[in-house]
Protein backbone atom coordinates (compact mmCIF):
# COMPACT_ATOMS: atom_id res chain seq x y z
CA UNK A 1 -118.83 118.30 -139.65
CA UNK A 2 -120.61 120.50 -142.21
CA UNK A 3 -124.37 120.40 -142.04
CA UNK A 4 -126.36 120.28 -145.28
CA UNK A 5 -129.92 121.47 -145.70
CA UNK A 6 -130.68 119.87 -149.07
CA UNK A 7 -132.11 116.71 -147.51
CA UNK A 8 -134.98 117.23 -145.06
CA UNK A 9 -134.33 113.78 -143.63
CA UNK A 10 -131.01 114.91 -142.14
CA UNK A 11 -132.66 117.01 -139.45
CA UNK A 12 -135.05 114.20 -138.56
CA UNK A 13 -132.22 111.67 -138.41
CA UNK A 14 -130.21 113.92 -136.10
CA UNK A 15 -133.24 114.39 -133.86
CA UNK A 16 -133.85 110.65 -133.67
CA UNK A 17 -130.21 109.97 -132.82
CA UNK A 18 -130.15 112.77 -130.23
CA UNK A 19 -133.29 111.43 -128.58
CA UNK A 20 -132.04 107.83 -128.51
CA UNK A 21 -128.63 108.93 -127.24
CA UNK A 22 -130.30 110.95 -124.48
CA UNK A 23 -132.18 107.85 -123.33
CA UNK A 24 -128.94 105.86 -123.20
CA UNK A 25 -127.29 108.58 -121.13
CA UNK A 26 -130.27 108.94 -118.80
CA UNK A 27 -131.06 105.26 -118.30
CA UNK A 28 -127.74 103.44 -118.77
CA UNK A 29 -125.41 106.08 -117.35
CA UNK A 30 -123.27 106.48 -120.49
CA UNK A 31 -121.25 109.64 -119.90
CA UNK A 32 -119.48 109.79 -123.28
CA UNK A 33 -121.78 111.64 -125.68
CA UNK A 34 -119.88 110.39 -128.74
CA UNK A 35 -120.32 106.78 -127.63
CA UNK A 36 -124.00 107.35 -126.89
CA UNK A 37 -124.53 108.80 -130.37
CA UNK A 38 -122.77 105.88 -132.05
CA UNK A 39 -124.79 103.33 -130.08
CA UNK A 40 -128.01 105.21 -130.82
CA UNK A 41 -127.29 105.31 -134.54
CA UNK A 42 -126.51 101.58 -134.59
CA UNK A 43 -129.69 100.80 -132.66
CA UNK A 44 -131.71 102.85 -135.14
CA UNK A 45 -130.09 101.05 -138.08
CA UNK A 46 -128.42 104.11 -139.57
CA UNK A 47 -125.19 103.75 -141.62
CA UNK A 48 -121.79 104.61 -140.15
CA UNK A 49 -121.53 107.80 -142.21
CA UNK A 50 -124.75 109.29 -140.81
CA UNK A 51 -124.67 112.93 -139.72
CA UNK A 52 -124.51 112.94 -135.95
CA UNK A 53 -126.20 115.65 -133.87
CA UNK A 54 -124.09 118.12 -131.93
CA UNK A 55 -123.60 117.51 -128.22
CA UNK A 56 -125.82 120.52 -127.51
CA UNK A 57 -128.69 118.78 -129.34
CA UNK A 58 -128.21 115.63 -127.25
CA UNK A 59 -128.06 117.69 -124.07
CA UNK A 60 -131.34 119.40 -124.94
CA UNK A 61 -133.00 116.01 -125.49
CA UNK A 62 -131.46 114.73 -122.25
CA UNK A 63 -132.90 117.62 -120.25
CA UNK A 64 -136.31 116.99 -121.82
CA UNK A 65 -136.19 113.24 -121.11
CA UNK A 66 -135.13 113.78 -117.50
CA UNK A 67 -137.87 116.36 -116.97
CA UNK A 68 -140.56 114.08 -118.44
CA UNK A 69 -139.55 110.69 -117.05
CA UNK A 70 -137.08 111.16 -114.17
CA UNK A 71 -137.92 114.54 -112.69
CA UNK A 72 -138.08 113.77 -108.97
CA UNK A 73 -135.39 111.09 -109.10
CA UNK A 74 -133.06 113.23 -111.14
CA UNK A 75 -133.43 116.37 -109.04
CA UNK A 76 -132.70 114.35 -105.91
CA UNK A 77 -129.64 112.79 -107.58
CA UNK A 78 -128.25 116.18 -108.61
CA UNK A 79 -128.78 117.60 -105.11
CA UNK A 80 -127.05 114.63 -103.46
CA UNK A 81 -124.09 114.80 -105.84
CA UNK A 82 -123.75 118.57 -105.43
CA UNK A 83 -123.82 118.15 -101.66
CA UNK A 84 -121.05 115.57 -101.87
CA UNK A 85 -119.08 117.82 -104.22
CA UNK A 86 -119.41 120.69 -101.76
CA UNK A 87 -118.04 118.55 -98.95
CA UNK A 88 -115.05 117.43 -101.01
CA UNK A 89 -114.35 120.95 -102.30
CA UNK A 90 -114.41 122.27 -98.73
CA UNK A 91 -111.68 119.81 -97.77
CA UNK A 92 -109.64 120.69 -100.88
CA UNK A 93 -109.92 124.49 -100.73
CA UNK A 94 -106.15 124.99 -100.78
CA UNK A 95 -106.08 123.48 -104.28
CA UNK A 96 -108.59 125.96 -105.77
CA UNK A 97 -111.40 123.50 -106.58
CA UNK A 98 -114.08 124.03 -109.22
CA UNK A 99 -117.07 121.79 -109.88
CA UNK A 100 -117.71 121.04 -113.55
CA UNK A 101 -119.57 118.55 -115.73
CA UNK A 102 -123.08 117.14 -115.44
CA UNK A 103 -123.35 117.57 -111.66
CA UNK A 104 -122.87 121.30 -112.13
CA UNK A 105 -125.10 121.78 -115.18
CA UNK A 106 -127.88 119.63 -113.70
CA UNK A 107 -127.92 116.83 -116.28
CA UNK A 108 -126.30 114.19 -114.04
CA UNK A 109 -127.72 110.83 -115.11
CA UNK A 110 -127.80 107.53 -113.27
CA UNK A 111 -124.30 106.49 -112.19
CA UNK A 112 -122.98 110.01 -112.90
CA UNK A 113 -119.55 110.85 -111.51
CA UNK A 114 -118.50 114.10 -109.84
CA UNK A 115 -115.81 116.04 -111.73
CA UNK A 116 -113.79 118.56 -109.72
CA UNK A 117 -110.97 120.59 -111.27
CA UNK A 118 -108.00 121.44 -109.04
CA UNK A 119 -105.29 124.02 -109.80
CA UNK A 120 -101.98 123.64 -108.01
CA UNK A 121 -98.23 123.82 -108.54
CA UNK A 122 -97.82 120.11 -107.93
CA UNK A 123 -100.18 117.18 -108.44
CA UNK A 124 -98.07 115.31 -105.90
CA UNK A 125 -99.23 117.77 -103.21
CA UNK A 126 -102.82 116.62 -103.78
CA UNK A 127 -101.78 112.98 -103.43
CA UNK A 128 -99.93 113.72 -100.19
CA UNK A 129 -102.97 115.58 -98.87
CA UNK A 130 -105.28 112.65 -99.65
CA UNK A 131 -102.89 110.19 -98.04
CA UNK A 132 -102.67 112.33 -94.90
CA UNK A 133 -106.46 112.50 -94.80
CA UNK A 134 -106.66 108.70 -95.19
CA UNK A 135 -108.66 109.10 -98.41
CA UNK A 136 -108.14 106.21 -100.83
CA UNK A 137 -107.75 107.06 -104.50
CA UNK A 138 -106.54 105.60 -107.77
CA UNK A 139 -104.96 107.14 -110.85
CA UNK A 140 -107.20 107.49 -113.90
CA UNK A 141 -106.35 108.46 -117.47
CA UNK A 142 -106.62 112.23 -118.08
CA UNK A 143 -109.26 113.14 -120.66
CA UNK A 144 -107.26 116.14 -121.85
CA UNK A 145 -103.58 116.80 -122.45
CA UNK A 146 -103.82 119.91 -120.27
CA UNK A 147 -104.46 117.88 -117.12
CA UNK A 148 -101.45 116.73 -115.13
CA UNK A 149 -103.28 113.90 -113.42
CA UNK A 150 -106.69 112.51 -112.50
CA UNK A 151 -107.22 111.01 -109.06
CA UNK A 152 -110.44 109.03 -108.65
CA UNK A 153 -112.07 108.51 -105.26
CA UNK A 154 -114.51 105.60 -104.97
CA UNK A 155 -117.00 105.75 -102.13
CA UNK A 156 -120.11 103.70 -101.41
CA UNK A 157 -122.50 105.71 -103.56
CA UNK A 158 -120.33 108.18 -105.46
CA UNK A 159 -117.29 108.38 -107.70
CA UNK A 160 -115.32 111.61 -107.71
CA UNK A 161 -112.66 112.55 -110.25
CA UNK A 162 -110.11 115.13 -109.13
CA UNK A 163 -108.75 116.57 -112.37
CA UNK A 164 -105.50 118.35 -111.60
CA UNK A 165 -104.12 121.23 -113.69
CA UNK A 166 -101.10 123.50 -113.30
CA UNK A 167 -101.90 126.59 -111.23
CA UNK A 168 -101.56 128.98 -114.20
CA UNK A 169 -104.28 127.08 -116.09
CA UNK A 170 -106.90 128.47 -113.69
CA UNK A 171 -107.12 131.58 -115.90
CA UNK A 172 -107.79 129.52 -119.04
CA UNK A 173 -111.35 129.13 -120.35
CA UNK A 174 -111.69 125.42 -121.15
CA UNK A 175 -113.78 124.23 -124.08
CA UNK A 176 -115.99 121.19 -124.53
CA UNK A 177 -115.33 118.83 -127.45
CA UNK A 178 -117.87 120.68 -129.57
CA UNK A 179 -116.35 124.10 -128.87
CA UNK A 180 -118.63 125.42 -126.13
CA UNK A 181 -117.22 127.00 -122.99
CA UNK A 182 -117.01 124.40 -120.23
CA UNK A 183 -118.88 125.63 -117.18
CA UNK A 184 -117.20 125.51 -113.80
CA UNK A 185 -118.12 126.84 -110.37
CA UNK A 186 -116.32 127.64 -107.14
CA UNK A 187 -117.50 126.37 -103.78
CA UNK A 188 -119.63 129.42 -102.98
CA UNK A 189 -121.51 129.07 -106.28
CA UNK A 190 -122.10 125.35 -105.65
CA UNK A 191 -123.49 126.13 -102.20
CA UNK A 192 -125.83 128.71 -103.71
CA UNK A 193 -127.12 126.06 -106.12
CA UNK A 194 -127.77 123.77 -103.16
CA UNK A 195 -129.71 126.48 -101.32
CA UNK A 196 -131.73 127.27 -104.44
CA UNK A 197 -132.46 123.57 -104.95
CA UNK A 198 -133.77 123.19 -101.41
CA UNK A 199 -135.98 126.25 -101.86
CA UNK A 200 -137.40 124.96 -105.15
CA UNK A 201 -138.25 121.57 -103.63
CA UNK A 202 -140.45 123.05 -100.91
């Protein structure tokens, strides 16, 4: 959407929506930024044709909110989810796992889910592996047409989405909905984040 600078209220409106959306994400666990922005705009009483902030603006407000109001809780949550992701990635090494999403970038809110990308010649091989490991899973709807399947693992305190792509897609740089490069990290990088997090908390 084209931004206009002729109305000084537009920037303020976007900031208000970004801030309110960040609170919804942080407190209510809404993971869909578009949904959070729509709910925030409705709560603020703005019309449906309001200019929404970019996802990057919401993310900046989310990081600020978490730092101000949830710092200790949020850092502990991210560490726990990264540790769980590391354990799962270790078991799935043959499928070339990458951690992505809010657990990787450190913005994981309450009720955040772990997103792990897998790259393999056959999604069925992942299912067979999980069955052999006695790991229960269910099929979820892929969020992108590039993904062959999404297998979701529900455990007591975590939800993990295994997003499966064809092996050749590993070389592709994925984009977020607003055009930014989607970050992803191999197991060794995730483990380095865990070590750095433990050092920072001392």
